[in-house]
């Protein structure tokens, strides 16, 4: 797994910091942040934000805080992820098709 570092909290103190990366293969944003306090987790975990969606925070998920001062870094990460995703969609592999000898037909595969 390869990560592209985008940025770190500009007010970092050296003891772990909110950080943003883009995973190069999937174009997913990867965030490190301060674990949300219990009251915030309880509010988020106890509210049905979307009708029909289960309430609660699944064991494989967590809530983090990313400081507002990192919005420009998140925007940059979104731009990088969007460009990477577009490149992935545009990537075309050509696979030779069976045909007459010497036939160089190819098809696009994603």
N, C-alpha and C. Protein backbone atom coordinates (compact mmCIF):
# COMPACT_ATOMS: atom_id res chain seq x y z
N UNK A 1 0.85 -1.17 0.00
CA UNK A 1 0.00 0.00 0.00
C UNK A 1 0.90 1.23 0.00
N UNK A 2 0.67 2.12 -0.95
CA UNK A 2 1.44 3.36 -1.03
C UNK A 2 0.55 4.53 -0.69
N UNK A 3 1.07 5.40 0.17
CA UNK A 3 0.35 6.60 0.58
C UNK A 3 1.07 7.83 0.08
N UNK A 4 0.29 8.81 -0.39
CA UNK A 4 0.85 10.10 -0.75
C UNK A 4 0.54 11.05 0.40
N UNK A 5 1.57 11.52 1.08
CA UNK A 5 1.40 12.47 2.17
C UNK A 5 0.89 13.78 1.61
N UNK A 6 -0.17 14.32 2.22
CA UNK A 6 -0.73 15.59 1.77
C UNK A 6 -0.39 16.70 2.75
N UNK A 7 -0.62 16.47 4.02
CA UNK A 7 -0.33 17.53 4.97
C UNK A 7 -0.59 17.12 6.40
N UNK A 8 -0.08 17.95 7.29
CA UNK A 8 -0.18 17.71 8.72
C UNK A 8 -0.70 19.00 9.36
N UNK A 9 -1.35 18.86 10.50
CA UNK A 9 -1.86 20.02 11.23
C UNK A 9 -0.75 21.05 11.37
N UNK A 10 -0.98 22.27 10.87
CA UNK A 10 0.07 23.29 10.94
C UNK A 10 0.41 23.70 12.38
N UNK A 11 -0.44 23.38 13.32
CA UNK A 11 -0.17 23.72 14.72
C UNK A 11 0.32 22.50 15.50
N UNK A 12 0.91 21.55 14.81
CA UNK A 12 1.37 20.33 15.45
C UNK A 12 2.39 20.62 16.54
N UNK A 13 2.33 19.78 17.57
CA UNK A 13 3.28 19.95 18.66
C UNK A 13 4.30 18.84 18.71
N UNK A 14 4.29 17.93 17.78
CA UNK A 14 5.27 16.85 17.73
C UNK A 14 4.84 15.57 18.42
N UNK A 15 3.73 15.55 19.09
CA UNK A 15 3.24 14.35 19.78
C UNK A 15 2.06 13.76 19.03
N UNK A 16 2.22 13.38 17.80
CA UNK A 16 1.10 12.90 17.00
C UNK A 16 0.30 14.09 16.54
N UNK A 17 -0.16 14.03 15.35
CA UNK A 17 -0.87 15.18 14.79
C UNK A 17 -1.89 14.74 13.77
N UNK A 18 -2.99 15.47 13.67
CA UNK A 18 -3.90 15.19 12.56
C UNK A 18 -3.13 15.27 11.24
N UNK A 19 -3.27 14.24 10.44
CA UNK A 19 -2.51 14.11 9.20
C UNK A 19 -3.44 13.57 8.11
N UNK A 20 -3.15 13.93 6.87
CA UNK A 20 -3.97 13.50 5.74
C UNK A 20 -3.06 12.91 4.66
N UNK A 21 -3.47 11.74 4.16
CA UNK A 21 -2.80 11.07 3.05
C UNK A 21 -3.85 10.69 2.01
N UNK A 22 -3.39 10.35 0.81
CA UNK A 22 -4.24 9.74 -0.21
C UNK A 22 -3.60 8.39 -0.54
N UNK A 23 -4.41 7.32 -0.44
CA UNK A 23 -3.93 5.99 -0.78
C UNK A 23 -3.85 5.93 -2.30
N UNK A 24 -2.70 5.62 -2.83
CA UNK A 24 -2.45 5.79 -4.25
C UNK A 24 -3.27 4.86 -5.14
N UNK A 25 -3.49 3.62 -4.74
CA UNK A 25 -4.21 2.69 -5.60
C UNK A 25 -5.70 2.97 -5.63
N UNK A 26 -6.29 3.24 -4.46
CA UNK A 26 -7.75 3.39 -4.38
C UNK A 26 -8.21 4.83 -4.45
N UNK A 27 -7.31 5.78 -4.25
CA UNK A 27 -7.61 7.20 -4.17
C UNK A 27 -8.44 7.53 -2.92
N UNK A 28 -8.43 6.64 -1.93
CA UNK A 28 -9.12 6.90 -0.67
C UNK A 28 -8.35 7.93 0.15
N UNK A 29 -9.09 8.76 0.88
CA UNK A 29 -8.46 9.65 1.85
C UNK A 29 -8.18 8.84 3.11
N UNK A 30 -7.02 9.03 3.69
CA UNK A 30 -6.66 8.38 4.94
C UNK A 30 -6.37 9.50 5.94
N UNK A 31 -7.09 9.46 7.06
CA UNK A 31 -7.00 10.54 8.04
C UNK A 31 -6.53 10.01 9.38
N UNK A 32 -5.64 10.75 9.98
CA UNK A 32 -5.27 10.53 11.38
C UNK A 32 -5.75 11.76 12.11
N UNK A 33 -6.45 11.55 13.20
CA UNK A 33 -6.94 12.70 13.94
C UNK A 33 -7.07 12.38 15.41
N UNK A 34 -7.50 13.37 16.15
CA UNK A 34 -7.71 13.21 17.58
C UNK A 34 -9.01 12.44 17.78
N UNK A 35 -8.95 11.38 18.57
CA UNK A 35 -10.15 10.60 18.86
C UNK A 35 -11.18 11.53 19.49
N UNK A 36 -12.40 11.45 19.02
CA UNK A 36 -13.47 12.29 19.55
C UNK A 36 -13.73 11.96 21.02
N UNK A 37 -14.12 12.97 21.77
CA UNK A 37 -14.42 12.76 23.17
C UNK A 37 -15.70 11.94 23.31
N UNK A 38 -15.89 11.34 24.48
CA UNK A 38 -17.02 10.43 24.70
C UNK A 38 -18.36 11.08 24.41
N UNK A 39 -18.55 12.34 24.78
CA UNK A 39 -19.83 13.01 24.55
C UNK A 39 -20.13 13.11 23.05
N UNK A 40 -19.12 13.42 22.26
CA UNK A 40 -19.31 13.52 20.81
C UNK A 40 -19.59 12.14 20.21
N UNK A 41 -18.85 11.12 20.66
CA UNK A 41 -19.11 9.76 20.18
C UNK A 41 -20.53 9.32 20.54
N UNK A 42 -20.98 9.67 21.74
CA UNK A 42 -22.33 9.30 22.17
C UNK A 42 -23.38 10.00 21.31
N UNK A 43 -23.17 11.27 21.00
CA UNK A 43 -24.11 12.00 20.15
C UNK A 43 -24.16 11.38 18.76
N UNK A 44 -23.00 11.15 18.18
CA UNK A 44 -22.95 10.58 16.82
C UNK A 44 -23.49 9.16 16.82
N UNK A 45 -23.07 8.36 17.77
CA UNK A 45 -23.49 6.97 17.83
C UNK A 45 -24.94 6.77 18.20
N UNK A 46 -25.57 7.76 18.82
CA UNK A 46 -26.95 7.62 19.25
C UNK A 46 -27.96 8.31 18.35
N UNK A 47 -27.52 8.83 17.23
CA UNK A 47 -28.40 9.58 16.34
C UNK A 47 -28.55 8.85 15.01
N UNK A 48 -29.78 8.76 14.53
CA UNK A 48 -30.00 8.17 13.19
C UNK A 48 -29.93 9.32 12.19
N UNK A 49 -28.78 9.48 11.57
CA UNK A 49 -28.52 10.61 10.68
C UNK A 49 -29.20 10.44 9.33
N UNK A 50 -29.40 9.23 8.91
CA UNK A 50 -30.04 8.93 7.62
C UNK A 50 -31.14 7.91 7.89
N UNK A 51 -32.34 8.22 7.43
CA UNK A 51 -33.46 7.32 7.64
C UNK A 51 -33.13 5.93 7.12
N UNK A 52 -33.37 4.94 7.96
CA UNK A 52 -33.12 3.56 7.58
C UNK A 52 -31.71 3.07 7.85
N UNK A 53 -30.83 3.97 8.19
CA UNK A 53 -29.45 3.59 8.50
C UNK A 53 -29.36 3.23 9.97
N UNK A 54 -28.61 2.20 10.30
CA UNK A 54 -28.53 1.77 11.69
C UNK A 54 -27.87 2.85 12.55
N UNK A 55 -28.27 2.85 13.80
CA UNK A 55 -27.73 3.79 14.78
C UNK A 55 -26.52 3.14 15.42
N UNK A 56 -25.54 3.92 15.75
CA UNK A 56 -24.36 3.41 16.43
C UNK A 56 -23.12 3.52 15.57
N UNK A 57 -21.99 3.36 16.20
CA UNK A 57 -20.70 3.38 15.51
C UNK A 57 -20.20 1.93 15.50
N UNK A 58 -20.10 1.33 14.32
CA UNK A 58 -19.64 -0.06 14.25
C UNK A 58 -18.26 -0.21 14.88
N UNK A 59 -17.97 -1.38 15.38
CA UNK A 59 -16.70 -1.65 16.05
C UNK A 59 -15.49 -1.39 15.15
N UNK A 60 -15.66 -1.51 13.83
CA UNK A 60 -14.53 -1.32 12.91
C UNK A 60 -14.37 0.15 12.49
N UNK A 61 -15.17 1.05 13.05
CA UNK A 61 -15.10 2.47 12.72
C UNK A 61 -14.85 3.28 13.98
N UNK A 62 -14.42 4.52 13.80
CA UNK A 62 -14.24 5.43 14.92
C UNK A 62 -14.57 6.84 14.46
N UNK A 63 -14.70 7.73 15.39
CA UNK A 63 -14.96 9.14 15.11
C UNK A 63 -13.69 9.91 15.47
N UNK A 64 -13.22 10.73 14.56
CA UNK A 64 -12.05 11.55 14.83
C UNK A 64 -12.40 13.02 14.60
N UNK A 65 -11.62 13.86 15.19
CA UNK A 65 -11.73 15.29 14.94
C UNK A 65 -10.58 15.72 14.05
N UNK A 66 -10.88 16.52 13.05
CA UNK A 66 -9.86 17.14 12.22
C UNK A 66 -10.08 18.64 12.38
N UNK A 67 -9.07 19.37 12.86
CA UNK A 67 -9.25 20.80 13.12
C UNK A 67 -9.64 21.59 11.87
N UNK A 68 -10.48 22.59 12.07
CA UNK A 68 -10.93 23.43 10.95
C UNK A 68 -9.75 24.06 10.22
N UNK A 69 -8.66 24.30 10.92
CA UNK A 69 -7.50 24.91 10.26
C UNK A 69 -6.90 23.99 9.20
N UNK A 70 -7.33 22.71 9.20
CA UNK A 70 -6.83 21.77 8.21
C UNK A 70 -7.72 21.68 6.96
N UNK A 71 -8.76 22.50 6.89
CA UNK A 71 -9.64 22.47 5.71
C UNK A 71 -8.87 22.65 4.41
N UNK A 72 -7.91 23.58 4.32
CA UNK A 72 -7.15 23.68 3.06
C UNK A 72 -6.40 22.40 2.73
N UNK A 73 -5.88 21.71 3.73
CA UNK A 73 -5.18 20.45 3.50
C UNK A 73 -6.16 19.39 3.02
N UNK A 74 -7.35 19.35 3.62
CA UNK A 74 -8.37 18.39 3.17
C UNK A 74 -8.81 18.68 1.75
N UNK A 75 -8.94 19.96 1.40
CA UNK A 75 -9.29 20.31 0.02
C UNK A 75 -8.23 19.80 -0.95
N UNK A 76 -6.97 20.00 -0.58
CA UNK A 76 -5.88 19.51 -1.43
C UNK A 76 -5.96 17.99 -1.56
N UNK A 77 -6.21 17.31 -0.44
CA UNK A 77 -6.32 15.86 -0.48
C UNK A 77 -7.47 15.42 -1.38
N UNK A 78 -8.59 16.12 -1.29
CA UNK A 78 -9.74 15.80 -2.16
C UNK A 78 -9.37 15.98 -3.63
N UNK A 79 -8.65 17.06 -3.94
CA UNK A 79 -8.23 17.30 -5.32
C UNK A 79 -7.30 16.19 -5.80
N UNK A 80 -6.34 15.80 -4.97
CA UNK A 80 -5.40 14.73 -5.33
C UNK A 80 -6.17 13.43 -5.54
N UNK A 81 -7.07 13.11 -4.61
CA UNK A 81 -7.84 11.87 -4.72
C UNK A 81 -8.70 11.87 -5.97
N UNK A 82 -9.31 13.01 -6.27
CA UNK A 82 -10.16 13.09 -7.46
C UNK A 82 -9.33 12.89 -8.73
N UNK A 83 -8.17 13.53 -8.81
CA UNK A 83 -7.31 13.35 -9.98
C UNK A 83 -6.86 11.89 -10.11
N UNK A 84 -6.48 11.30 -8.97
CA UNK A 84 -6.02 9.90 -8.99
C UNK A 84 -7.16 8.98 -9.45
N UNK A 85 -8.37 9.22 -8.95
CA UNK A 85 -9.52 8.39 -9.35
C UNK A 85 -9.81 8.56 -10.84
N UNK A 86 -9.70 9.78 -11.35
CA UNK A 86 -9.91 10.01 -12.78
C UNK A 86 -8.87 9.26 -13.60
N UNK A 87 -7.62 9.28 -13.15
CA UNK A 87 -6.57 8.54 -13.86
C UNK A 87 -6.85 7.05 -13.86
N UNK A 88 -7.33 6.55 -12.74
CA UNK A 88 -7.66 5.11 -12.67
C UNK A 88 -8.78 4.77 -13.64
N UNK A 89 -9.79 5.64 -13.71
CA UNK A 89 -10.91 5.37 -14.63
C UNK A 89 -10.46 5.45 -16.08
N UNK A 90 -9.51 6.34 -16.35
CA UNK A 90 -9.05 6.51 -17.72
C UNK A 90 -8.04 5.45 -18.14
N UNK A 91 -7.47 4.77 -17.17
CA UNK A 91 -6.49 3.73 -17.50
C UNK A 91 -7.18 2.65 -18.31
N UNK A 92 -6.61 2.35 -19.42
CA UNK A 92 -7.21 1.36 -20.32
C UNK A 92 -6.16 0.29 -20.63
N UNK A 93 -6.59 -0.93 -20.45
CA UNK A 93 -5.73 -2.04 -20.84
C UNK A 93 -6.23 -2.58 -22.16
N UNK A 94 -5.35 -2.88 -23.04
CA UNK A 94 -5.72 -3.48 -24.31
C UNK A 94 -5.40 -4.96 -24.27
N UNK A 95 -6.39 -5.75 -24.62
CA UNK A 95 -6.23 -7.20 -24.62
C UNK A 95 -6.46 -7.69 -26.05
N UNK A 96 -5.49 -8.36 -26.64
CA UNK A 96 -5.68 -8.84 -28.01
C UNK A 96 -6.85 -9.81 -28.09
N UNK A 97 -7.63 -9.69 -29.14
CA UNK A 97 -8.76 -10.59 -29.38
C UNK A 97 -8.35 -11.66 -30.37
N UNK A 98 -8.93 -12.82 -30.20
CA UNK A 98 -8.67 -13.89 -31.15
C UNK A 98 -9.34 -13.54 -32.48
N UNK A 99 -8.64 -13.73 -33.50
CA UNK A 99 -9.18 -13.45 -34.82
C UNK A 99 -8.28 -14.09 -35.86
N UNK A 100 -8.38 -13.60 -37.03
CA UNK A 100 -7.53 -14.13 -38.10
C UNK A 100 -6.07 -13.84 -37.78
N UNK A 101 -5.15 -14.70 -38.20
CA UNK A 101 -3.73 -14.45 -37.96
C UNK A 101 -3.34 -13.07 -38.45
N UNK A 102 -2.60 -12.35 -37.62
CA UNK A 102 -2.16 -11.01 -38.00
C UNK A 102 -3.19 -9.94 -37.65
N UNK A 103 -4.38 -10.35 -37.20
CA UNK A 103 -5.42 -9.39 -36.85
C UNK A 103 -5.00 -8.70 -35.55
N UNK A 104 -4.89 -7.40 -35.56
CA UNK A 104 -4.40 -6.66 -34.39
C UNK A 104 -5.53 -5.99 -33.61
N UNK A 105 -6.74 -6.50 -33.73
CA UNK A 105 -7.86 -5.88 -33.00
C UNK A 105 -7.62 -5.94 -31.50
N UNK A 106 -8.03 -4.93 -30.82
CA UNK A 106 -7.92 -4.89 -29.37
C UNK A 106 -9.23 -4.36 -28.81
N UNK A 107 -9.49 -4.69 -27.57
CA UNK A 107 -10.67 -4.14 -26.89
C UNK A 107 -10.20 -3.39 -25.66
N UNK A 108 -10.99 -2.39 -25.28
CA UNK A 108 -10.68 -1.65 -24.06
C UNK A 108 -11.25 -2.39 -22.88
N UNK A 109 -10.44 -2.53 -21.85
CA UNK A 109 -10.92 -3.13 -20.60
C UNK A 109 -10.54 -2.21 -19.48
N UNK A 110 -11.42 -2.10 -18.55
CA UNK A 110 -11.15 -1.28 -17.37
C UNK A 110 -10.88 -2.17 -16.20
